């Protein structure tokens, strides 16, 4: 486990880590929205 203080000391590294985490969050949200839309679509448009 990385020590948080050492990450903060290296601002460039922390920026990279934050960017990475934000991208992961975005990906998860996109997948959630897509699956939510798909289920709504299936409810209203059953085959």
PDB file of N, CA and C in Angstrom:
ATOM      1  N   UNK A   1       0.841  -1.204   0.000  1.00  0.00           N
ATOM      2  CA  UNK A   1       0.000   0.000   0.000  1.00  0.00           C
ATOM      3  C   UNK A   1       0.875   1.253   0.000  1.00  0.00           C
ATOM      4  N   UNK A   2       0.639   2.105  -0.975  1.00  0.00           N
ATOM      5  CA  UNK A   2       1.412   3.331  -1.046  1.00  0.00           C
ATOM      6  C   UNK A   2       1.016   4.269   0.084  1.00  0.00           C
ATOM      7  N   UNK A   3       2.011   4.970   0.603  1.00  0.00           N
ATOM      8  CA  UNK A   3       1.699   5.981   1.624  1.00  0.00           C
ATOM      9  C   UNK A   3       1.185   7.226   0.924  1.00  0.00           C
ATOM     10  N   UNK A   4       0.073   7.722   1.401  1.00  0.00           N
ATOM     11  CA  UNK A   4      -0.572   8.840   0.724  1.00  0.00           C
ATOM     12  C   UNK A   4       0.302  10.078   0.709  1.00  0.00           C
ATOM     13  N   UNK A   5       1.017  10.339   1.786  1.00  0.00           N
ATOM     14  CA  UNK A   5       1.877  11.523   1.861  1.00  0.00           C
ATOM     15  C   UNK A   5       2.948  11.501   0.778  1.00  0.00           C
ATOM     16  N   UNK A   6       3.484  10.316   0.496  1.00  0.00           N
ATOM     17  CA  UNK A   6       4.518  10.230  -0.545  1.00  0.00           C
ATOM     18  C   UNK A   6       3.927  10.483  -1.923  1.00  0.00           C
ATOM     19  N   UNK A   7       2.667  10.129  -2.119  1.00  0.00           N
ATOM     20  CA  UNK A   7       2.001  10.416  -3.393  1.00  0.00           C
ATOM     21  C   UNK A   7       1.815  11.927  -3.542  1.00  0.00           C
ATOM     22  N   UNK A   8       1.378  12.570  -2.465  1.00  0.00           N
ATOM     23  CA  UNK A   8       1.146  14.010  -2.506  1.00  0.00           C
ATOM     24  C   UNK A   8       2.447  14.769  -2.757  1.00  0.00           C
ATOM     25  N   UNK A   9       3.540  14.283  -2.200  1.00  0.00           N
ATOM     26  CA  UNK A   9       4.831  14.936  -2.421  1.00  0.00           C
ATOM     27  C   UNK A   9       5.179  14.974  -3.896  1.00  0.00           C
ATOM     28  N   UNK A  10       4.807  13.936  -4.607  1.00  0.00           N
ATOM     29  CA  UNK A  10       5.096  13.875  -6.038  1.00  0.00           C
ATOM     30  C   UNK A  10       3.834  14.277  -6.798  1.00  0.00           C
ATOM     31  N   UNK A  11       3.728  15.563  -7.077  1.00  0.00           N
ATOM     32  CA  UNK A  11       2.486  16.074  -7.669  1.00  0.00           C
ATOM     33  C   UNK A  11       2.204  15.498  -9.046  1.00  0.00           C
ATOM     34  N   UNK A  12       3.256  15.297  -9.821  1.00  0.00           N
ATOM     35  CA  UNK A  12       3.060  14.733 -11.153  1.00  0.00           C
ATOM     36  C   UNK A  12       2.441  13.344 -11.047  1.00  0.00           C
ATOM     37  N   UNK A  13       2.974  12.541 -10.158  1.00  0.00           N
ATOM     38  CA  UNK A  13       2.451  11.180  -9.979  1.00  0.00           C
ATOM     39  C   UNK A  13       1.011  11.208  -9.478  1.00  0.00           C
ATOM     40  N   UNK A  14       0.719  12.092  -8.546  1.00  0.00           N
ATOM     41  CA  UNK A  14      -0.645  12.146  -8.012  1.00  0.00           C
ATOM     42  C   UNK A  14      -1.629  12.583  -9.086  1.00  0.00           C
ATOM     43  N   UNK A  15      -1.178  13.478  -9.967  1.00  0.00           N
ATOM     44  CA  UNK A  15      -2.051  13.916 -11.056  1.00  0.00           C
ATOM     45  C   UNK A  15      -2.364  12.740 -11.976  1.00  0.00           C
ATOM     46  N   UNK A  16      -1.346  11.937 -12.251  1.00  0.00           N
ATOM     47  CA  UNK A  16      -1.548  10.758 -13.105  1.00  0.00           C
ATOM     48  C   UNK A  16      -2.528   9.786 -12.444  1.00  0.00           C
ATOM     49  N   UNK A  17      -2.338   9.555 -11.149  1.00  0.00           N
ATOM     50  CA  UNK A  17      -3.207   8.631 -10.412  1.00  0.00           C
ATOM     51  C   UNK A  17      -4.640   9.156 -10.400  1.00  0.00           C
ATOM     52  N   UNK A  18      -4.807  10.444 -10.142  1.00  0.00           N
ATOM     53  CA  UNK A  18      -6.146  11.025 -10.109  1.00  0.00           C
ATOM     54  C   UNK A  18      -6.818  10.933 -11.472  1.00  0.00           C
ATOM     55  N   UNK A  19      -6.065  11.222 -12.517  1.00  0.00           N
ATOM     56  CA  UNK A  19      -6.617  11.120 -13.868  1.00  0.00           C
ATOM     57  C   UNK A  19      -7.071   9.700 -14.158  1.00  0.00           C
ATOM     58  N   UNK A  20      -6.216   8.750 -13.785  1.00  0.00           N
ATOM     59  CA  UNK A  20      -6.541   7.340 -13.988  1.00  0.00           C
ATOM     60  C   UNK A  20      -7.826   6.954 -13.252  1.00  0.00           C
ATOM     61  N   UNK A  21      -7.921   7.361 -11.997  1.00  0.00           N
ATOM     62  CA  UNK A  21      -9.106   7.033 -11.202  1.00  0.00           C
ATOM     63  C   UNK A  21     -10.360   7.675 -11.797  1.00  0.00           C
ATOM     64  N   UNK A  22     -10.239   8.915 -12.226  1.00  0.00           N
ATOM     65  CA  UNK A  22     -11.390   9.596 -12.819  1.00  0.00           C
ATOM     66  C   UNK A  22     -11.841   8.899 -14.098  1.00  0.00           C
ATOM     67  N   UNK A  23     -10.881   8.461 -14.905  1.00  0.00           N
ATOM     68  CA  UNK A  23     -11.244   7.745 -16.125  1.00  0.00           C
ATOM     69  C   UNK A  23     -11.961   6.451 -15.795  1.00  0.00           C
ATOM     70  N   UNK A  24     -11.490   5.743 -14.745  1.00  0.00           N
ATOM     71  CA  UNK A  24     -12.141   4.498 -14.343  1.00  0.00           C
ATOM     72  C   UNK A  24     -13.566   4.768 -13.884  1.00  0.00           C
ATOM     73  N   UNK A  25     -13.750   5.823 -13.110  1.00  0.00           N
ATOM     74  CA  UNK A  25     -15.093   6.176 -12.637  1.00  0.00           C
ATOM     75  C   UNK A  25     -15.992   6.477 -13.834  1.00  0.00           C
ATOM     76  N   UNK A  26     -15.480   7.237 -14.782  1.00  0.00           N
ATOM     77  CA  UNK A  26     -16.255   7.555 -15.984  1.00  0.00           C
ATOM     78  C   UNK A  26     -16.663   6.282 -16.721  1.00  0.00           C
ATOM     79  N   UNK A  27     -15.723   5.364 -16.879  1.00  0.00           N
ATOM     80  CA  UNK A  27     -16.026   4.102 -17.559  1.00  0.00           C
ATOM     81  C   UNK A  27     -17.146   3.359 -16.853  1.00  0.00           C
ATOM     82  N   UNK A  28     -17.048   3.286 -15.538  1.00  0.00           N
ATOM     83  CA  UNK A  28     -18.074   2.570 -14.769  1.00  0.00           C
ATOM     84  C   UNK A  28     -19.428   3.238 -14.924  1.00  0.00           C
ATOM     85  N   UNK A  29     -19.447   4.560 -14.881  1.00  0.00           N
ATOM     86  CA  UNK A  29     -20.717   5.273 -15.019  1.00  0.00           C
ATOM     87  C   UNK A  29     -21.314   5.051 -16.401  1.00  0.00           C
ATOM     88  N   UNK A  30     -20.468   5.083 -17.415  1.00  0.00           N
ATOM     89  CA  UNK A  30     -20.955   4.846 -18.777  1.00  0.00           C
ATOM     90  C   UNK A  30     -21.560   3.450 -18.887  1.00  0.00           C
ATOM     91  N   UNK A  31     -20.868   2.455 -18.331  1.00  0.00           N
ATOM     92  CA  UNK A  31     -21.380   1.085 -18.392  1.00  0.00           C
ATOM     93  C   UNK A  31     -22.699   0.958 -17.638  1.00  0.00           C
ATOM     94  N   UNK A  32     -22.776   1.631 -16.490  1.00  0.00           N
ATOM     95  CA  UNK A  32     -24.017   1.589 -15.716  1.00  0.00           C
ATOM     96  C   UNK A  32     -25.165   2.197 -16.502  1.00  0.00           C
ATOM     97  N   UNK A  33     -24.922   3.352 -17.087  1.00  0.00           N
ATOM     98  CA  UNK A  33     -25.961   4.029 -17.856  1.00  0.00           C
ATOM     99  C   UNK A  33     -26.387   3.169 -19.047  1.00  0.00           C
ATOM    100  N   UNK A  34     -25.412   2.575 -19.725  1.00  0.00           N
ATOM    101  CA  UNK A  34     -25.744   1.727 -20.873  1.00  0.00           C
ATOM    102  C   UNK A  34     -26.594   0.529 -20.452  1.00  0.00           C
ATOM    103  N   UNK A  35     -26.212  -0.130 -19.376  1.00  0.00           N
ATOM    104  CA  UNK A  35     -26.985  -1.294 -18.947  1.00  0.00           C
ATOM    105  C   UNK A  35     -28.368  -0.867 -18.444  1.00  0.00           C
ATOM    106  N   UNK A  36     -28.437   0.296 -17.799  1.00  0.00           N
ATOM    107  CA  UNK A  36     -29.715   0.820 -17.341  1.00  0.00           C
ATOM    108  C   UNK A  36     -30.622   1.110 -18.543  1.00  0.00           C
ATOM    109  N   UNK A  37     -30.064   1.779 -19.544  1.00  0.00           N
ATOM    110  CA  UNK A  37     -30.839   2.065 -20.753  1.00  0.00           C
ATOM    111  C   UNK A  37     -31.308   0.786 -21.422  1.00  0.00           C
ATOM    112  N   UNK A  38     -30.444  -0.225 -21.445  1.00  0.00           N
ATOM    113  CA  UNK A  38     -30.798  -1.489 -22.082  1.00  0.00           C
ATOM    114  C   UNK A  38     -31.973  -2.141 -21.349  1.00  0.00           C
ATOM    115  N   UNK A  39     -31.930  -2.115 -20.021  1.00  0.00           N
ATOM    116  CA  UNK A  39     -33.019  -2.750 -19.272  1.00  0.00           C
ATOM    117  C   UNK A  39     -34.334  -1.981 -19.445  1.00  0.00           C
ATOM    118  N   UNK A  40     -34.244  -0.657 -19.471  1.00  0.00           N
ATOM    119  CA  UNK A  40     -35.439   0.146 -19.734  1.00  0.00           C
ATOM    120  C   UNK A  40     -36.012  -0.209 -21.111  1.00  0.00           C
ATOM    121  N   UNK A  41     -35.123  -0.298 -22.075  1.00  0.00           N
ATOM    122  CA  UNK A  41     -35.539  -0.632 -23.439  1.00  0.00           C
ATOM    123  C   UNK A  41     -36.229  -2.001 -23.483  1.00  0.00           C
ATOM    124  N   UNK A  42     -35.679  -2.957 -22.744  1.00  0.00           N
ATOM    125  CA  UNK A  42     -36.274  -4.297 -22.728  1.00  0.00           C
ATOM    126  C   UNK A  42     -37.637  -4.312 -22.051  1.00  0.00           C
ATOM    127  N   UNK A  43     -37.797  -3.457 -21.037  1.00  0.00           N
ATOM    128  CA  UNK A  43     -39.091  -3.392 -20.348  1.00  0.00           C
ATOM    129  C   UNK A  43     -40.159  -2.826 -21.290  1.00  0.00           C
ATOM    130  N   UNK A  44     -39.794  -1.766 -22.026  1.00  0.00           N
ATOM    131  CA  UNK A  44     -40.785  -1.097 -22.865  1.00  0.00           C
ATOM    132  C   UNK A  44     -40.931  -1.722 -24.245  1.00  0.00           C
ATOM    133  N   UNK A  45     -39.910  -2.453 -24.665  1.00  0.00           N
ATOM    134  CA  UNK A  45     -39.955  -3.064 -25.998  1.00  0.00           C
ATOM    135  C   UNK A  45     -39.623  -4.552 -25.912  1.00  0.00           C
ATOM    136  N   UNK A  46     -40.470  -5.328 -25.278  1.00  0.00           N
ATOM    137  CA  UNK A  46     -40.154  -6.751 -25.171  1.00  0.00           C
ATOM    138  C   UNK A  46     -40.182  -7.417 -26.548  1.00  0.00           C
ATOM    139  N   UNK A  47     -39.316  -8.367 -26.738  1.00  0.00           N
ATOM    140  CA  UNK A  47     -39.264  -9.070 -28.032  1.00  0.00           C
ATOM    141  C   UNK A  47     -40.454 -10.003 -28.189  1.00  0.00           C
TER     142      UNK A  47
END
